Amino acid sequence: VRGVRVEELRPMMILEEDVVGLNGATLTRAGLELNRVIIARLCNFAKGVGVKEPVRVRIPAGPI
């Protein structure tokens, strides 16, 4: 488990905790496996409203 910035998110990472916007809104729930679509949406949200960072994720074994 480690904390990463939104720009460092990669497919197959699993969220260890909820991702929350700076406005307090929950954007995604813990346990979600990330894919390119979700990552793109989180990056867009981070550029607009902002996302509380670091985002805690579990990283799969092997290259990603």
C-alpha atoms as a PDB file:
ATOM      1  CA  VAL A   1       0.000   0.000   0.000  1.00  0.00           C
ATOM      2  CA  ARG A   2       1.302   3.441  -0.842  1.00  0.00           C
ATOM      3  CA  GLY A   3       0.133   6.989  -1.416  1.00  0.00           C
ATOM      4  CA  VAL A   4       0.317   8.405  -4.935  1.00  0.00           C
ATOM      5  CA  ARG A   5      -0.728  11.554  -6.750  1.00  0.00           C
ATOM      6  CA  VAL A   6      -3.682  11.378  -9.136  1.00  0.00           C
ATOM      7  CA  GLU A   7      -1.279  11.668 -12.097  1.00  0.00           C
ATOM      8  CA  GLU A   8       0.531   8.522 -10.892  1.00  0.00           C
ATOM      9  CA  LEU A   9      -2.560   6.303 -10.883  1.00  0.00           C
ATOM     10  CA  ARG A  10      -2.347   3.287 -13.207  1.00  0.00           C
ATOM     11  CA  PRO A  11      -4.762   0.577 -14.337  1.00  0.00           C
ATOM     12  CA  MET A  12      -5.062  -2.443 -12.040  1.00  0.00           C
ATOM     13  CA  MET A  13      -4.249  -0.436  -8.896  1.00  0.00           C
ATOM     14  CA  ILE A  14      -6.890  -0.958  -6.195  1.00  0.00           C
ATOM     15  CA  LEU A  15      -8.080   1.926  -4.051  1.00  0.00           C
ATOM     16  CA  GLU A  16      -7.285   1.364  -0.382  1.00  0.00           C
ATOM     17  CA  GLU A  17      -9.629   4.157   0.729  1.00  0.00           C
ATOM     18  CA  ASP A  18     -12.315   6.396  -0.760  1.00  0.00           C
ATOM     19  CA  VAL A  19     -11.135   9.148  -3.113  1.00  0.00           C
ATOM     20  CA  VAL A  20     -12.511  12.498  -1.962  1.00  0.00           C
ATOM     21  CA  GLY A  21     -12.651  15.834  -3.754  1.00  0.00           C
ATOM     22  CA  LEU A  22     -11.493  19.023  -2.074  1.00  0.00           C
ATOM     23  CA  ASN A  23     -15.177  19.964  -1.893  1.00  0.00           C
ATOM     24  CA  GLY A  24     -15.784  16.927   0.367  1.00  0.00           C
ATOM     25  CA  ALA A  25     -17.605  14.814  -2.241  1.00  0.00           C
ATOM     26  CA  THR A  26     -16.771  11.110  -2.393  1.00  0.00           C
ATOM     27  CA  LEU A  27     -15.643  10.394  -5.957  1.00  0.00           C
ATOM     28  CA  THR A  28     -14.933   6.665  -5.791  1.00  0.00           C
ATOM     29  CA  ARG A  29     -15.132   4.019  -3.084  1.00  0.00           C
ATOM     30  CA  ALA A  30     -12.362   1.925  -1.543  1.00  0.00           C
ATOM     31  CA  GLY A  31     -11.850  -1.469  -3.152  1.00  0.00           C
ATOM     32  CA  LEU A  32     -12.351  -0.254  -6.729  1.00  0.00           C
ATOM     33  CA  GLU A  33      -9.861  -1.556  -9.295  1.00  0.00           C
ATOM     34  CA  LEU A  34      -8.782   1.343 -11.481  1.00  0.00           C
ATOM     35  CA  ASN A  35      -9.018   1.373 -15.258  1.00  0.00           C
ATOM     36  CA  ARG A  36      -8.166   4.014 -17.866  1.00  0.00           C
ATOM     37  CA  VAL A  37     -11.675   5.531 -17.891  1.00  0.00           C
ATOM     38  CA  ILE A  38     -11.821   5.998 -14.104  1.00  0.00           C
ATOM     39  CA  ILE A  39      -8.285   7.405 -14.041  1.00  0.00           C
ATOM     40  CA  ALA A  40      -9.136   9.907 -16.808  1.00  0.00           C
ATOM     41  CA  ARG A  41     -12.217  11.060 -14.889  1.00  0.00           C
ATOM     42  CA  LEU A  42     -10.240  11.463 -11.662  1.00  0.00           C
ATOM     43  CA  CYS A  43      -7.545  13.454 -13.496  1.00  0.00           C
ATOM     44  CA  ASN A  44     -10.186  15.759 -15.006  1.00  0.00           C
ATOM     45  CA  PHE A  45     -11.816  16.234 -11.605  1.00  0.00           C
ATOM     46  CA  ALA A  46      -8.405  16.953 -10.050  1.00  0.00           C
ATOM     47  CA  LYS A  47      -7.803  19.730 -12.605  1.00  0.00           C
ATOM     48  CA  GLY A  48     -11.174  21.313 -11.837  1.00  0.00           C
ATOM     49  CA  VAL A  49     -12.359  20.989  -8.250  1.00  0.00           C
ATOM     50  CA  GLY A  50      -9.323  19.145  -6.918  1.00  0.00           C
ATOM     51  CA  VAL A  51      -8.751  15.790  -5.229  1.00  0.00           C
ATOM     52  CA  LYS A  52      -7.443  15.181  -1.721  1.00  0.00           C
ATOM     53  CA  GLU A  53      -3.992  13.643  -2.165  1.00  0.00           C
ATOM     54  CA  PRO A  54      -2.181  11.376  -1.729  1.00  0.00           C
ATOM     55  CA  VAL A  55      -4.522   8.648  -2.935  1.00  0.00           C
ATOM     56  CA  ARG A  56      -3.833   5.381  -1.088  1.00  0.00           C
ATOM     57  CA  VAL A  57      -3.702   2.364  -3.413  1.00  0.00           C
ATOM     58  CA  ARG A  58      -2.677  -1.263  -3.413  1.00  0.00           C
ATOM     59  CA  ILE A  59      -0.294  -2.036  -6.245  1.00  0.00           C
ATOM     60  CA  PRO A  60      -0.531  -5.425  -7.970  1.00  0.00           C
ATOM     61  CA  ALA A  61       2.506  -7.692  -8.073  1.00  0.00           C
ATOM     62  CA  GLY A  62       4.508  -7.499 -11.282  1.00  0.00           C
ATOM     63  CA  PRO A  63       4.833  -4.706 -13.829  1.00  0.00           C
ATOM     64  CA  ILE A  64       1.940  -2.299 -14.414  1.00  0.00           C
END
